[in-house]
N, C-alpha and C. Protein backbone atom coordinates (compact mmCIF):
# COMPACT_ATOMS: atom_id res chain seq x y z
N MET A 1 83.37 97.91 171.99
CA MET A 1 82.81 98.83 171.04
C MET A 1 83.12 98.29 169.64
N SER A 2 82.13 98.22 168.82
CA SER A 2 82.31 97.69 167.45
C SER A 2 82.27 98.85 166.46
N ALA A 3 82.84 98.58 165.29
CA ALA A 3 82.88 99.61 164.25
C ALA A 3 81.47 99.80 163.69
N PRO A 4 81.13 101.04 163.32
CA PRO A 4 79.80 101.26 162.77
C PRO A 4 79.66 100.55 161.42
N ALA A 5 78.47 100.09 161.17
CA ALA A 5 78.18 99.39 159.90
C ALA A 5 78.21 100.40 158.76
N PRO A 6 78.70 99.97 157.59
CA PRO A 6 78.71 100.91 156.46
C PRO A 6 77.29 101.27 156.08
N PRO A 7 77.08 102.49 155.60
CA PRO A 7 75.73 102.90 155.24
C PRO A 7 75.17 102.03 154.11
N ALA A 8 73.92 101.74 154.15
CA ALA A 8 73.27 100.90 153.14
C ALA A 8 73.07 101.74 151.87
N THR A 9 73.35 101.16 150.75
CA THR A 9 73.14 101.85 149.48
C THR A 9 71.92 101.26 148.80
N SER A 10 71.17 102.14 148.20
CA SER A 10 69.94 101.67 147.56
C SER A 10 70.20 101.22 146.13
N VAL A 11 71.38 101.56 145.57
CA VAL A 11 71.69 101.17 144.19
C VAL A 11 72.62 99.97 144.21
N GLU A 12 72.19 98.88 143.64
CA GLU A 12 73.03 97.69 143.55
C GLU A 12 73.35 97.45 142.09
N ARG A 13 74.55 97.05 141.82
CA ARG A 13 74.95 96.74 140.46
C ARG A 13 74.54 95.31 140.12
N ALA A 14 74.13 95.13 138.90
CA ALA A 14 73.78 93.79 138.46
C ALA A 14 75.06 92.97 138.32
N ALA A 15 74.95 91.71 138.61
CA ALA A 15 76.10 90.83 138.52
C ALA A 15 76.43 90.56 137.05
N LEU A 16 77.71 90.33 136.80
CA LEU A 16 78.13 89.99 135.45
C LEU A 16 77.66 88.58 135.12
N ARG A 17 77.36 88.37 133.84
CA ARG A 17 77.00 87.01 133.44
C ARG A 17 77.69 86.70 132.12
N LEU A 18 77.83 85.46 131.84
CA LEU A 18 78.56 84.99 130.68
C LEU A 18 77.59 84.69 129.54
N VAL A 19 77.87 85.27 128.34
CA VAL A 19 77.05 85.00 127.17
C VAL A 19 77.96 84.72 125.98
N VAL A 20 77.44 84.03 125.00
CA VAL A 20 78.18 83.75 123.78
C VAL A 20 77.82 84.84 122.78
N VAL A 21 78.84 85.51 122.24
CA VAL A 21 78.64 86.58 121.26
C VAL A 21 79.14 86.07 119.92
N ARG A 22 78.28 86.07 118.92
CA ARG A 22 78.66 85.62 117.59
C ARG A 22 79.54 86.67 116.93
N THR A 23 80.62 86.27 116.31
CA THR A 23 81.51 87.18 115.60
C THR A 23 81.37 86.94 114.11
N PRO A 24 81.71 87.94 113.27
CA PRO A 24 81.54 87.76 111.83
C PRO A 24 82.52 86.76 111.23
N GLN A 25 83.61 86.46 111.90
CA GLN A 25 84.60 85.52 111.38
C GLN A 25 84.45 84.17 112.07
N PRO A 26 84.80 83.10 111.38
CA PRO A 26 84.73 81.80 112.05
C PRO A 26 85.74 81.73 113.18
N PRO A 27 85.39 81.11 114.29
CA PRO A 27 86.30 81.04 115.43
C PRO A 27 87.48 80.12 115.13
N VAL A 28 88.58 80.37 115.82
CA VAL A 28 89.76 79.55 115.62
C VAL A 28 89.52 78.17 116.21
N VAL A 29 89.09 78.11 117.46
CA VAL A 29 88.85 76.83 118.11
C VAL A 29 87.40 76.75 118.57
N ASP A 30 86.97 77.72 119.31
CA ASP A 30 85.64 77.72 119.90
C ASP A 30 85.08 79.13 119.84
N GLU A 31 83.81 79.30 120.11
CA GLU A 31 83.21 80.63 120.15
C GLU A 31 83.85 81.44 121.27
N PRO A 32 84.24 82.70 121.02
CA PRO A 32 84.81 83.51 122.09
C PRO A 32 83.75 83.88 123.12
N LEU A 33 84.15 83.94 124.36
CA LEU A 33 83.25 84.31 125.44
C LEU A 33 83.65 85.68 125.95
N ARG A 34 82.66 86.53 126.18
CA ARG A 34 82.94 87.88 126.65
C ARG A 34 82.01 88.19 127.83
N TRP A 35 82.55 88.92 128.80
CA TRP A 35 81.76 89.38 129.93
C TRP A 35 81.16 90.73 129.56
N PHE A 36 79.94 90.99 130.01
CA PHE A 36 79.35 92.29 129.78
C PHE A 36 78.34 92.59 130.87
N HIS A 37 78.02 93.88 131.02
CA HIS A 37 77.01 94.31 131.97
C HIS A 37 75.66 94.29 131.29
N PRO A 38 74.61 93.79 131.96
CA PRO A 38 73.28 93.81 131.34
C PRO A 38 72.86 95.24 131.04
N GLY A 39 72.28 95.47 129.87
CA GLY A 39 71.84 96.78 129.47
C GLY A 39 72.90 97.59 128.75
N VAL A 40 74.13 97.10 128.71
CA VAL A 40 75.22 97.78 128.02
C VAL A 40 75.58 96.95 126.80
N ARG A 41 75.61 97.61 125.64
CA ARG A 41 75.93 96.88 124.41
C ARG A 41 77.38 96.43 124.44
N PRO A 42 77.64 95.17 124.08
CA PRO A 42 79.03 94.72 124.03
C PRO A 42 79.76 95.37 122.86
N PRO A 43 81.06 95.60 122.99
CA PRO A 43 81.80 96.22 121.89
C PRO A 43 81.88 95.27 120.70
N ARG A 44 81.96 95.87 119.50
CA ARG A 44 82.08 95.06 118.29
C ARG A 44 83.50 94.53 118.18
N PRO A 45 83.65 93.33 117.68
CA PRO A 45 85.01 92.81 117.51
C PRO A 45 85.71 93.54 116.38
N PRO A 46 87.04 93.57 116.39
CA PRO A 46 87.76 94.25 115.30
C PRO A 46 87.52 93.52 113.98
N HIS A 47 87.51 94.29 112.89
CA HIS A 47 87.27 93.68 111.59
C HIS A 47 88.55 93.03 111.08
N ARG A 48 88.42 91.80 110.64
CA ARG A 48 89.53 91.10 110.01
C ARG A 48 89.05 90.66 108.64
N PRO A 49 89.82 90.95 107.58
CA PRO A 49 89.35 90.54 106.26
C PRO A 49 89.25 89.03 106.19
N GLY A 50 88.15 88.56 105.71
CA GLY A 50 87.93 87.13 105.63
C GLY A 50 87.92 86.65 104.20
N PRO A 51 87.54 85.43 104.00
CA PRO A 51 87.51 84.91 102.64
C PRO A 51 86.46 85.60 101.81
N ARG A 52 86.69 85.63 100.51
CA ARG A 52 85.72 86.21 99.59
C ARG A 52 84.55 85.26 99.43
N PRO A 53 83.45 85.76 98.88
CA PRO A 53 82.37 84.85 98.54
C PRO A 53 82.89 83.83 97.53
N GLY A 54 82.12 82.81 97.27
CA GLY A 54 82.54 81.74 96.36
C GLY A 54 83.15 82.30 95.08
N THR A 55 84.27 81.74 94.66
CA THR A 55 84.95 82.26 93.48
C THR A 55 84.30 81.79 92.20
N ARG A 56 83.52 80.79 92.25
CA ARG A 56 82.86 80.29 91.05
C ARG A 56 81.36 80.27 91.26
N GLN A 57 80.63 80.58 90.21
CA GLN A 57 79.18 80.53 90.30
C GLN A 57 78.71 79.11 90.02
N PRO A 58 77.55 78.72 90.56
CA PRO A 58 77.05 77.38 90.30
C PRO A 58 76.76 77.19 88.81
N GLU A 59 76.83 75.95 88.38
CA GLU A 59 76.56 75.63 86.98
C GLU A 59 75.17 76.10 86.58
N GLY A 60 75.07 76.67 85.41
CA GLY A 60 73.77 77.12 84.90
C GLY A 60 73.45 78.56 85.25
N ASP A 61 74.21 79.17 86.19
CA ASP A 61 73.96 80.56 86.56
C ASP A 61 74.89 81.44 85.74
N GLU A 62 74.39 82.04 84.67
CA GLU A 62 75.22 82.80 83.75
C GLU A 62 75.13 84.30 83.96
N PHE A 63 74.32 84.76 84.89
CA PHE A 63 74.10 86.19 85.08
C PHE A 63 74.83 86.67 86.32
N GLY A 64 75.18 87.93 86.31
CA GLY A 64 75.83 88.54 87.47
C GLY A 64 77.33 88.44 87.37
N PRO A 65 78.03 89.14 88.26
CA PRO A 65 79.50 89.15 88.21
C PRO A 65 80.07 87.81 88.66
N THR A 66 81.24 87.51 88.13
CA THR A 66 81.96 86.29 88.49
C THR A 66 83.27 86.70 89.14
N TRP A 67 83.55 86.17 90.32
CA TRP A 67 84.80 86.48 91.00
C TRP A 67 85.94 85.83 90.25
N SER A 68 87.04 86.53 90.12
CA SER A 68 88.20 86.01 89.40
C SER A 68 89.32 85.71 90.37
N LEU A 69 90.08 84.67 90.07
CA LEU A 69 91.26 84.33 90.86
C LEU A 69 92.44 85.19 90.40
N ARG A 70 93.48 85.27 91.22
CA ARG A 70 94.63 86.11 90.91
C ARG A 70 95.30 85.70 89.60
N ALA A 71 95.33 84.42 89.32
CA ALA A 71 95.99 83.94 88.10
C ALA A 71 95.25 84.40 86.83
N GLU A 72 93.98 84.74 86.95
CA GLU A 72 93.18 85.15 85.80
C GLU A 72 93.18 86.65 85.58
N LEU A 73 93.89 87.41 86.41
CA LEU A 73 93.83 88.87 86.39
C LEU A 73 95.12 89.48 85.87
N PRO A 74 95.06 90.69 85.29
CA PRO A 74 96.29 91.36 84.83
C PRO A 74 97.12 91.87 86.01
N ASP A 75 98.26 92.46 85.71
CA ASP A 75 99.18 92.98 86.72
C ASP A 75 98.48 94.02 87.59
N VAL A 76 98.47 93.78 88.91
CA VAL A 76 97.75 94.66 89.83
C VAL A 76 98.44 96.00 89.99
N ARG A 77 99.77 96.04 89.91
CA ARG A 77 100.47 97.30 90.09
C ARG A 77 100.13 98.28 88.95
N HIS A 78 100.08 97.76 87.73
CA HIS A 78 99.73 98.60 86.58
C HIS A 78 98.27 99.06 86.68
N ALA A 79 97.37 98.15 87.04
CA ALA A 79 95.95 98.51 87.16
C ALA A 79 95.73 99.51 88.29
N GLY A 80 96.44 99.34 89.40
CA GLY A 80 96.30 100.27 90.53
C GLY A 80 96.80 101.66 90.19
N ARG A 81 97.96 101.73 89.51
CA ARG A 81 98.49 103.04 89.10
C ARG A 81 97.53 103.72 88.14
N ARG A 82 96.98 102.96 87.20
CA ARG A 82 96.04 103.53 86.23
C ARG A 82 94.80 104.07 86.94
N LEU A 83 94.24 103.28 87.86
CA LEU A 83 93.04 103.71 88.57
C LEU A 83 93.30 104.98 89.38
N LEU A 84 94.39 105.02 90.15
CA LEU A 84 94.67 106.18 90.99
C LEU A 84 94.95 107.42 90.15
N THR A 85 95.66 107.25 89.04
CA THR A 85 95.95 108.39 88.16
C THR A 85 94.68 108.93 87.53
N VAL A 86 93.85 108.03 87.00
CA VAL A 86 92.59 108.47 86.37
C VAL A 86 91.69 109.14 87.40
N ALA A 87 91.61 108.58 88.61
CA ALA A 87 90.76 109.16 89.65
C ALA A 87 91.22 110.57 90.02
N LEU A 88 92.52 110.75 90.23
CA LEU A 88 93.02 112.08 90.60
C LEU A 88 92.84 113.09 89.47
N GLU A 89 93.09 112.67 88.23
CA GLU A 89 92.90 113.59 87.11
C GLU A 89 91.43 113.94 86.92
N ALA A 90 90.53 112.98 87.13
CA ALA A 90 89.10 113.26 87.00
C ALA A 90 88.63 114.20 88.11
N LEU A 91 89.10 113.99 89.33
CA LEU A 91 88.71 114.87 90.44
C LEU A 91 89.30 116.27 90.27
N ALA A 92 90.44 116.38 89.58
CA ALA A 92 91.04 117.68 89.34
C ALA A 92 90.37 118.39 88.16
N GLY A 93 89.51 117.70 87.43
CA GLY A 93 88.81 118.30 86.31
C GLY A 93 89.59 118.23 85.01
N ARG A 94 90.64 117.44 84.95
CA ARG A 94 91.45 117.35 83.74
C ARG A 94 91.03 116.21 82.81
N ARG A 95 90.07 115.43 83.24
CA ARG A 95 89.59 114.32 82.43
C ARG A 95 88.13 114.10 82.82
N PRO A 96 87.29 113.60 81.92
CA PRO A 96 85.88 113.39 82.26
C PRO A 96 85.72 112.34 83.36
N LEU A 97 84.84 112.61 84.28
CA LEU A 97 84.60 111.68 85.38
C LEU A 97 84.03 110.36 84.88
N ALA A 98 83.39 110.37 83.73
CA ALA A 98 82.80 109.15 83.18
C ALA A 98 83.84 108.10 82.84
N GLN A 99 85.09 108.49 82.70
CA GLN A 99 86.14 107.52 82.40
C GLN A 99 86.44 106.62 83.59
N LEU A 100 85.98 107.01 84.77
CA LEU A 100 86.17 106.17 85.96
C LEU A 100 85.12 105.07 86.08
N GLN A 101 84.01 105.20 85.41
CA GLN A 101 82.90 104.27 85.62
C GLN A 101 83.26 102.81 85.34
N PRO A 102 83.97 102.48 84.24
CA PRO A 102 84.29 101.07 84.04
C PRO A 102 85.32 100.52 85.02
N LEU A 103 86.02 101.38 85.73
CA LEU A 103 87.06 100.93 86.65
C LEU A 103 86.56 100.75 88.07
N THR A 104 85.34 101.23 88.38
CA THR A 104 84.85 101.24 89.76
C THR A 104 83.53 100.49 89.88
N SER A 105 83.21 100.15 91.13
CA SER A 105 81.91 99.53 91.41
C SER A 105 80.83 100.62 91.42
N ALA A 106 79.59 100.21 91.46
CA ALA A 106 78.48 101.17 91.42
C ALA A 106 78.52 102.13 92.61
N GLY A 107 78.84 101.62 93.80
CA GLY A 107 78.88 102.47 94.99
C GLY A 107 79.97 103.52 94.92
N VAL A 108 81.15 103.14 94.46
CA VAL A 108 82.26 104.10 94.35
C VAL A 108 81.94 105.12 93.27
N TRP A 109 81.39 104.68 92.16
CA TRP A 109 81.05 105.59 91.07
C TRP A 109 80.02 106.62 91.54
N THR A 110 78.99 106.19 92.26
CA THR A 110 77.97 107.10 92.76
C THR A 110 78.57 108.12 93.73
N ALA A 111 79.43 107.65 94.62
CA ALA A 111 80.07 108.57 95.58
C ALA A 111 80.94 109.60 94.86
N LEU A 112 81.66 109.17 93.83
CA LEU A 112 82.51 110.11 93.10
C LEU A 112 81.67 111.11 92.29
N ALA A 113 80.60 110.63 91.70
CA ALA A 113 79.78 111.50 90.85
C ALA A 113 79.00 112.53 91.67
N HIS A 114 78.58 112.16 92.88
CA HIS A 114 77.75 113.05 93.68
C HIS A 114 78.45 113.64 94.89
N GLY A 115 79.68 113.24 95.13
CA GLY A 115 80.39 113.70 96.33
C GLY A 115 81.16 114.98 96.11
N ASN A 116 81.67 115.50 97.19
CA ASN A 116 82.52 116.70 97.12
C ASN A 116 83.93 116.28 96.72
N ARG A 117 84.57 117.11 95.95
CA ARG A 117 85.94 116.85 95.54
C ARG A 117 86.89 117.50 96.53
N PRO A 118 88.01 116.86 96.85
CA PRO A 118 88.97 117.49 97.77
C PRO A 118 89.47 118.80 97.19
N ARG A 119 89.60 119.79 98.05
CA ARG A 119 90.03 121.11 97.59
C ARG A 119 91.40 121.09 96.95
N TRP A 120 92.28 120.27 97.48
CA TRP A 120 93.63 120.24 96.93
C TRP A 120 93.65 119.69 95.51
N CYS A 121 92.63 118.91 95.14
CA CYS A 121 92.54 118.38 93.76
C CYS A 121 92.05 119.46 92.80
N THR A 122 91.10 120.26 93.22
CA THR A 122 90.45 121.18 92.30
C THR A 122 91.14 122.53 92.21
N GLU A 123 91.85 122.94 93.24
CA GLU A 123 92.47 124.26 93.23
C GLU A 123 93.89 124.20 92.71
N GLY A 124 94.30 125.24 92.06
CA GLY A 124 95.67 125.35 91.60
C GLY A 124 95.91 124.74 90.23
N THR A 125 97.05 125.05 89.68
CA THR A 125 97.41 124.54 88.36
C THR A 125 98.65 123.67 88.40
N ALA A 126 99.22 123.47 89.56
CA ALA A 126 100.41 122.62 89.67
C ALA A 126 100.04 121.18 89.27
N PRO A 127 100.97 120.45 88.67
CA PRO A 127 100.66 119.09 88.25
C PRO A 127 100.52 118.15 89.45
N LEU A 128 99.68 117.15 89.28
CA LEU A 128 99.53 116.10 90.28
C LEU A 128 100.55 115.01 89.96
N VAL A 129 101.39 114.69 90.92
CA VAL A 129 102.42 113.67 90.71
C VAL A 129 102.12 112.51 91.65
N LEU A 130 101.99 111.31 91.09
CA LEU A 130 101.70 110.12 91.88
C LEU A 130 102.99 109.35 92.11
N GLY A 131 103.28 109.08 93.37
CA GLY A 131 104.51 108.35 93.72
C GLY A 131 104.37 106.87 93.43
N PRO A 132 105.32 106.06 93.92
CA PRO A 132 105.27 104.62 93.70
C PRO A 132 104.01 104.01 94.32
N VAL A 133 103.46 103.02 93.63
CA VAL A 133 102.25 102.34 94.10
C VAL A 133 102.66 101.12 94.91
N HIS A 134 102.13 101.03 96.12
CA HIS A 134 102.40 99.89 97.01
C HIS A 134 101.20 98.95 96.95
N VAL A 135 101.45 97.64 96.88
CA VAL A 135 100.39 96.65 96.71
C VAL A 135 100.44 95.65 97.85
N CYS A 136 99.26 95.31 98.36
CA CYS A 136 99.11 94.24 99.36
C CYS A 136 97.95 93.37 98.90
N GLU A 137 98.15 92.05 98.89
CA GLU A 137 97.09 91.14 98.46
C GLU A 137 96.70 90.25 99.65
N PRO A 138 95.68 90.67 100.44
CA PRO A 138 95.31 89.91 101.63
C PRO A 138 94.62 88.58 101.32
N VAL A 139 93.90 88.51 100.20
CA VAL A 139 93.15 87.32 99.82
C VAL A 139 93.31 87.14 98.32
N ASP A 140 93.23 85.93 97.85
CA ASP A 140 93.34 85.67 96.42
C ASP A 140 92.26 86.41 95.65
N GLY A 141 92.66 87.24 94.69
CA GLY A 141 91.71 88.00 93.90
C GLY A 141 91.34 89.35 94.49
N VAL A 142 91.99 89.75 95.59
CA VAL A 142 91.74 91.05 96.22
C VAL A 142 93.10 91.73 96.42
N ALA A 143 93.17 93.01 96.06
CA ALA A 143 94.42 93.75 96.25
C ALA A 143 94.10 95.12 96.84
N GLU A 144 94.98 95.58 97.70
CA GLU A 144 94.86 96.92 98.27
C GLU A 144 96.08 97.71 97.82
N VAL A 145 95.84 98.82 97.15
CA VAL A 145 96.93 99.63 96.61
C VAL A 145 96.93 100.99 97.30
N SER A 146 98.12 101.55 97.47
CA SER A 146 98.24 102.87 98.08
C SER A 146 99.39 103.61 97.43
N ALA A 147 99.32 104.92 97.49
CA ALA A 147 100.38 105.77 96.94
C ALA A 147 100.29 107.14 97.59
N VAL A 148 101.29 107.95 97.34
CA VAL A 148 101.31 109.32 97.82
C VAL A 148 101.22 110.24 96.61
N ALA A 149 100.23 111.12 96.61
CA ALA A 149 100.08 112.10 95.53
C ALA A 149 100.65 113.43 96.02
N ARG A 150 101.43 114.06 95.18
CA ARG A 150 102.04 115.35 95.55
C ARG A 150 101.55 116.43 94.60
N ARG A 151 101.27 117.57 95.20
CA ARG A 151 100.85 118.73 94.42
C ARG A 151 101.27 119.98 95.16
N ALA A 152 101.99 120.85 94.49
CA ALA A 152 102.43 122.13 95.04
C ALA A 152 103.14 121.96 96.38
N GLY A 153 104.02 120.95 96.47
CA GLY A 153 104.81 120.76 97.68
C GLY A 153 104.11 120.08 98.82
N ARG A 154 102.86 119.67 98.65
CA ARG A 154 102.11 118.98 99.71
C ARG A 154 101.89 117.53 99.32
N ALA A 155 101.84 116.66 100.29
CA ALA A 155 101.65 115.23 100.05
C ALA A 155 100.29 114.79 100.57
N HIS A 156 99.63 113.91 99.82
CA HIS A 156 98.30 113.41 100.19
C HIS A 156 98.25 111.91 99.94
N ALA A 157 97.66 111.17 100.87
CA ALA A 157 97.56 109.72 100.74
C ALA A 157 96.37 109.34 99.86
N VAL A 158 96.57 108.31 99.05
CA VAL A 158 95.52 107.80 98.18
C VAL A 158 95.56 106.28 98.31
N ALA A 159 94.41 105.65 98.53
CA ALA A 159 94.36 104.20 98.68
C ALA A 159 93.09 103.66 98.03
N ALA A 160 93.16 102.40 97.58
CA ALA A 160 92.01 101.77 96.94
C ALA A 160 92.05 100.28 97.20
N ARG A 161 90.87 99.68 97.21
CA ARG A 161 90.73 98.22 97.29
C ARG A 161 90.24 97.75 95.94
N LEU A 162 90.98 96.84 95.33
CA LEU A 162 90.62 96.30 94.02
C LEU A 162 90.21 94.85 94.19
N GLU A 163 89.14 94.47 93.52
CA GLU A 163 88.68 93.09 93.54
C GLU A 163 88.61 92.58 92.11
N GLY A 164 89.01 91.34 91.92
CA GLY A 164 88.96 90.74 90.59
C GLY A 164 87.55 90.30 90.27
N ILE A 165 86.92 90.99 89.33
CA ILE A 165 85.54 90.67 88.93
C ILE A 165 85.52 90.57 87.42
N ASP A 166 85.03 89.47 86.91
CA ASP A 166 84.90 89.24 85.47
C ASP A 166 86.24 89.39 84.75
N GLY A 167 87.32 88.91 85.34
CA GLY A 167 88.62 88.90 84.69
C GLY A 167 89.36 90.23 84.67
N ARG A 168 88.89 91.23 85.43
CA ARG A 168 89.60 92.51 85.49
C ARG A 168 89.48 93.07 86.90
N TRP A 169 90.36 94.00 87.21
CA TRP A 169 90.35 94.63 88.52
C TRP A 169 89.29 95.73 88.54
N ARG A 170 88.48 95.74 89.62
CA ARG A 170 87.48 96.78 89.79
C ARG A 170 87.62 97.36 91.19
N CYS A 171 87.61 98.69 91.28
CA CYS A 171 87.76 99.39 92.56
C CYS A 171 86.46 99.33 93.34
N THR A 172 86.51 98.79 94.55
CA THR A 172 85.32 98.72 95.39
C THR A 172 85.37 99.71 96.54
N VAL A 173 86.56 100.23 96.87
CA VAL A 173 86.71 101.25 97.91
C VAL A 173 87.82 102.21 97.45
N LEU A 174 87.56 103.50 97.57
CA LEU A 174 88.55 104.51 97.19
C LEU A 174 88.63 105.55 98.30
N GLN A 175 89.84 105.78 98.80
CA GLN A 175 90.03 106.77 99.87
C GLN A 175 91.08 107.76 99.41
N ILE A 176 90.71 109.03 99.38
CA ILE A 176 91.64 110.09 98.99
C ILE A 176 91.76 111.06 100.15
N GLY A 177 92.97 111.18 100.70
CA GLY A 177 93.17 112.00 101.89
C GLY A 177 93.66 113.38 101.60
């Protein structure tokens, strides 16, 4: 007597196949290989900050922003503290929002001008106190600053990405928690 045959299934899974997936960063040695199921989107690779665009413009091109190297820029800790303080005071309504425009990129300025302000910034009369500013420079001419803002006994995280453009620091990303 033999064992009964397993029931036949009408659904078969497609076999895995090997494909080359391009990543946004240059590979260390070779292109990474990933397995995936056909019809299923492969997951995106984690973001790793890469090199900035060319730091110098070609000869004869005098228009547009010029990337600055770290040696050509002022102290990042002072610029970061100034940016975070001005941003918090402007969002609290204690200073005109227009004072942020020269410190930020067009995208950040538009988001601040048309976005909602955090409730903790606008409500209450307690002073906003900004703690020590922490600086990380992942790439030459790029700095990420963070601090803790305190108001009425509560703490809130504030972070910004500064890029050296035209010899000064300009905020390209601002996160207020």
